[in-house]
N, C-alpha and C. Protein backbone atom coordinates (compact mmCIF):
# COMPACT_ATOMS: atom_id res chain seq x y z
N MET A 1 97.39 95.27 80.10
CA MET A 1 96.82 94.17 79.38
C MET A 1 95.87 94.73 78.33
N LYS A 2 96.06 94.37 77.09
CA LYS A 2 95.21 94.83 75.99
C LYS A 2 93.94 93.99 75.93
N LEU A 3 92.82 94.66 75.67
CA LEU A 3 91.53 93.96 75.64
C LEU A 3 90.81 94.04 74.30
N GLY A 4 91.27 94.88 73.38
CA GLY A 4 90.53 95.08 72.14
C GLY A 4 89.44 96.11 72.35
N THR A 5 88.51 96.19 71.44
CA THR A 5 87.46 97.20 71.51
C THR A 5 86.31 96.73 72.39
N ILE A 6 85.93 97.57 73.35
CA ILE A 6 84.79 97.28 74.22
C ILE A 6 83.65 98.24 73.91
N VAL A 7 83.97 99.49 73.69
CA VAL A 7 82.97 100.49 73.31
C VAL A 7 83.43 101.15 72.02
N ILE A 8 82.47 101.57 71.23
CA ILE A 8 82.76 102.26 69.98
C ILE A 8 82.60 103.75 70.23
N GLY A 9 83.62 104.51 69.93
CA GLY A 9 83.55 105.95 70.12
C GLY A 9 84.90 106.57 69.88
N SER A 10 84.91 107.87 69.67
CA SER A 10 86.16 108.54 69.36
C SER A 10 86.82 109.17 70.58
N LYS A 11 86.04 109.45 71.62
CA LYS A 11 86.63 110.10 72.79
C LYS A 11 87.15 109.06 73.77
N PRO A 12 88.27 109.36 74.44
CA PRO A 12 88.80 108.43 75.44
C PRO A 12 87.88 108.36 76.66
N VAL A 13 87.68 107.15 77.18
CA VAL A 13 86.86 106.95 78.38
C VAL A 13 87.61 106.00 79.31
N SER A 14 87.27 106.07 80.61
CA SER A 14 87.90 105.16 81.57
C SER A 14 86.94 104.88 82.72
N ALA A 15 87.21 103.79 83.43
CA ALA A 15 86.39 103.41 84.58
C ALA A 15 87.22 102.52 85.49
N ARG A 16 86.90 102.56 86.78
CA ARG A 16 87.56 101.70 87.77
C ARG A 16 86.68 100.50 88.06
N PHE A 17 87.34 99.35 88.21
CA PHE A 17 86.66 98.09 88.51
C PHE A 17 87.36 97.42 89.68
N ASN A 18 86.62 96.65 90.46
CA ASN A 18 87.18 95.75 91.45
C ASN A 18 87.07 94.34 90.89
N LEU A 19 88.16 93.59 90.93
CA LEU A 19 88.17 92.21 90.45
C LEU A 19 88.39 91.29 91.64
N VAL A 20 87.61 90.20 91.72
CA VAL A 20 87.73 89.22 92.80
C VAL A 20 88.20 87.91 92.17
N PHE A 21 89.36 87.43 92.63
CA PHE A 21 89.95 86.19 92.12
C PHE A 21 89.84 85.11 93.20
N ASP A 22 89.50 83.89 92.76
CA ASP A 22 89.37 82.75 93.69
C ASP A 22 90.16 81.56 93.13
N ASN A 23 91.48 81.54 93.39
CA ASN A 23 92.37 80.47 92.93
C ASN A 23 92.35 80.27 91.42
N SER A 24 92.16 81.34 90.67
CA SER A 24 92.15 81.28 89.22
C SER A 24 92.64 82.62 88.67
N PRO A 25 93.32 82.61 87.52
CA PRO A 25 93.74 83.88 86.93
C PRO A 25 92.57 84.64 86.29
N ARG A 26 91.41 83.99 86.17
CA ARG A 26 90.21 84.67 85.68
C ARG A 26 89.38 85.14 86.87
N PRO A 27 88.95 86.40 86.86
CA PRO A 27 88.19 86.89 88.01
C PRO A 27 86.83 86.21 88.14
N GLU A 28 86.49 85.91 89.37
CA GLU A 28 85.17 85.36 89.69
C GLU A 28 84.11 86.45 89.52
N ARG A 29 84.48 87.68 89.91
CA ARG A 29 83.58 88.84 89.77
C ARG A 29 84.37 90.03 89.28
N ALA A 30 83.72 90.89 88.51
CA ALA A 30 84.28 92.17 88.08
C ALA A 30 83.18 93.21 88.32
N GLU A 31 83.44 94.11 89.26
CA GLU A 31 82.42 95.07 89.67
C GLU A 31 82.80 96.48 89.24
N PHE A 32 81.91 97.14 88.52
CA PHE A 32 82.09 98.54 88.13
C PHE A 32 82.03 99.39 89.41
N VAL A 33 83.03 100.26 89.61
CA VAL A 33 83.09 101.11 90.80
C VAL A 33 82.71 102.54 90.45
N GLU A 34 83.41 103.12 89.46
CA GLU A 34 83.12 104.50 89.04
C GLU A 34 83.74 104.74 87.68
N GLY A 35 83.25 105.77 87.02
CA GLY A 35 83.81 106.14 85.73
C GLY A 35 82.73 106.31 84.68
N ASP A 36 83.14 106.21 83.43
CA ASP A 36 82.22 106.42 82.31
C ASP A 36 81.20 105.27 82.25
N GLU A 37 79.95 105.62 82.24
CA GLU A 37 78.86 104.62 82.27
C GLU A 37 78.87 103.70 81.05
N SER A 38 79.47 104.13 79.93
CA SER A 38 79.49 103.28 78.74
C SER A 38 80.35 102.03 78.95
N LEU A 39 81.19 102.03 80.00
CA LEU A 39 82.04 100.88 80.29
C LEU A 39 81.46 99.94 81.35
N ARG A 40 80.31 100.28 81.90
CA ARG A 40 79.69 99.44 82.94
C ARG A 40 79.50 98.00 82.45
N SER A 41 79.16 97.83 81.21
CA SER A 41 78.89 96.48 80.67
C SER A 41 80.16 95.68 80.41
N ALA A 42 81.35 96.25 80.64
CA ALA A 42 82.61 95.54 80.39
C ALA A 42 82.89 94.46 81.44
N SER A 43 82.11 94.40 82.51
CA SER A 43 82.34 93.41 83.57
C SER A 43 82.40 91.99 83.02
N GLU A 44 81.50 91.65 82.13
CA GLU A 44 81.46 90.30 81.58
C GLU A 44 82.72 89.99 80.78
N GLN A 45 83.21 90.96 79.99
CA GLN A 45 84.42 90.75 79.21
C GLN A 45 85.65 90.61 80.11
N LEU A 46 85.69 91.38 81.21
CA LEU A 46 86.81 91.27 82.14
C LEU A 46 86.84 89.91 82.82
N ARG A 47 85.66 89.33 83.12
CA ARG A 47 85.60 88.01 83.75
C ARG A 47 86.11 86.91 82.82
N GLY A 48 86.15 87.16 81.53
CA GLY A 48 86.61 86.16 80.57
C GLY A 48 88.09 86.22 80.25
N LYS A 49 88.84 87.12 80.89
CA LYS A 49 90.27 87.30 80.61
C LYS A 49 91.12 86.73 81.73
N ASP A 50 92.31 86.24 81.37
CA ASP A 50 93.29 85.79 82.36
C ASP A 50 94.17 86.97 82.76
N PHE A 51 94.39 87.14 84.06
CA PHE A 51 95.20 88.22 84.60
C PHE A 51 96.43 87.64 85.29
N PRO A 52 97.51 88.42 85.40
CA PRO A 52 98.74 87.93 86.04
C PRO A 52 98.63 87.96 87.56
N VAL A 53 97.77 87.10 88.12
CA VAL A 53 97.56 87.02 89.56
C VAL A 53 98.09 85.67 90.04
N ARG A 54 98.90 85.69 91.09
CA ARG A 54 99.48 84.47 91.62
C ARG A 54 98.95 84.20 93.02
N PHE A 55 98.65 82.94 93.30
CA PHE A 55 98.15 82.54 94.61
C PHE A 55 99.26 81.80 95.36
N PRO A 56 99.32 81.95 96.68
CA PRO A 56 100.42 81.34 97.45
C PRO A 56 100.36 79.82 97.51
N ASP A 57 99.19 79.23 97.50
CA ASP A 57 99.06 77.78 97.56
C ASP A 57 97.67 77.39 97.09
N VAL A 58 97.24 76.18 97.37
CA VAL A 58 95.94 75.69 96.90
C VAL A 58 94.90 75.85 98.01
N SER A 59 94.90 76.96 98.68
CA SER A 59 93.92 77.20 99.73
C SER A 59 92.72 77.95 99.15
N SER A 60 91.78 78.27 99.99
CA SER A 60 90.58 78.98 99.54
C SER A 60 90.71 80.49 99.77
N VAL A 61 91.84 81.05 99.34
CA VAL A 61 92.10 82.48 99.48
C VAL A 61 91.48 83.22 98.31
N LYS A 62 90.85 84.34 98.60
CA LYS A 62 90.33 85.21 97.55
C LYS A 62 91.18 86.47 97.52
N ILE A 63 91.44 86.97 96.34
CA ILE A 63 92.21 88.19 96.17
C ILE A 63 91.31 89.23 95.50
N VAL A 64 91.30 90.44 96.05
CA VAL A 64 90.55 91.55 95.45
C VAL A 64 91.57 92.56 94.93
N ARG A 65 91.48 92.89 93.65
CA ARG A 65 92.38 93.87 93.05
C ARG A 65 91.57 94.95 92.37
N ARG A 66 92.06 96.18 92.48
CA ARG A 66 91.44 97.30 91.77
C ARG A 66 92.15 97.49 90.45
N GLY A 67 91.43 97.98 89.45
CA GLY A 67 92.03 98.21 88.15
C GLY A 67 91.35 99.33 87.41
N LEU A 68 92.05 99.83 86.39
CA LEU A 68 91.55 100.92 85.58
C LEU A 68 91.42 100.44 84.14
N LEU A 69 90.21 100.51 83.60
CA LEU A 69 89.93 100.19 82.22
C LEU A 69 89.92 101.49 81.43
N SER A 70 90.76 101.59 80.41
CA SER A 70 90.85 102.79 79.57
C SER A 70 90.61 102.41 78.13
N CYS A 71 89.75 103.17 77.45
CA CYS A 71 89.44 102.90 76.05
C CYS A 71 89.62 104.17 75.24
N GLY A 72 90.17 104.01 74.06
CA GLY A 72 90.37 105.13 73.14
C GLY A 72 90.16 104.64 71.72
N GLY A 73 90.67 105.39 70.76
CA GLY A 73 90.49 105.06 69.35
C GLY A 73 91.16 103.77 68.92
N THR A 74 92.21 103.32 69.63
CA THR A 74 92.94 102.11 69.23
C THR A 74 92.51 100.87 70.00
N GLY A 75 91.54 100.97 70.88
CA GLY A 75 91.08 99.83 71.65
C GLY A 75 91.12 100.12 73.13
N CYS A 76 91.05 99.07 73.93
CA CYS A 76 90.99 99.21 75.38
C CYS A 76 92.13 98.46 76.05
N SER A 77 92.50 98.93 77.22
CA SER A 77 93.50 98.24 78.03
C SER A 77 93.07 98.29 79.49
N PHE A 78 93.56 97.32 80.26
CA PHE A 78 93.22 97.24 81.66
C PHE A 78 94.52 97.20 82.46
N GLU A 79 94.61 98.05 83.48
CA GLU A 79 95.80 98.12 84.31
C GLU A 79 95.43 97.80 85.74
N LEU A 80 96.09 96.77 86.31
CA LEU A 80 95.89 96.48 87.74
C LEU A 80 96.60 97.58 88.53
N LEU A 81 95.90 98.17 89.49
CA LEU A 81 96.45 99.27 90.28
C LEU A 81 97.18 98.73 91.50
N PRO A 82 98.20 99.46 91.98
CA PRO A 82 98.92 99.00 93.17
C PRO A 82 98.01 98.94 94.38
N ILE A 83 98.33 98.02 95.28
CA ILE A 83 97.58 97.90 96.52
C ILE A 83 98.05 99.00 97.45
N GLU A 84 97.10 99.74 98.00
CA GLU A 84 97.43 100.86 98.90
C GLU A 84 97.69 100.33 100.30
N LYS A 85 98.52 101.06 101.03
CA LYS A 85 98.81 100.69 102.42
C LYS A 85 97.69 101.13 103.32
């Protein structure tokens, strides 16, 4: 998923985030886990984006997904990581 520019800089940077979804394609929370500190403030921008998350029904289920935010000279992108066993 393309996000546009989040940080200004020439070197590539990346960080891992945990996203918490509550019956919405927009995350309720986006928590910085590890990575380049210049991306810590991207949590607010991630909460404003719609992600391809599907819920089984209209229950009160929350989904937690891990993702990798990568930024370079052409902008930033966010990749949802596979769920580990």
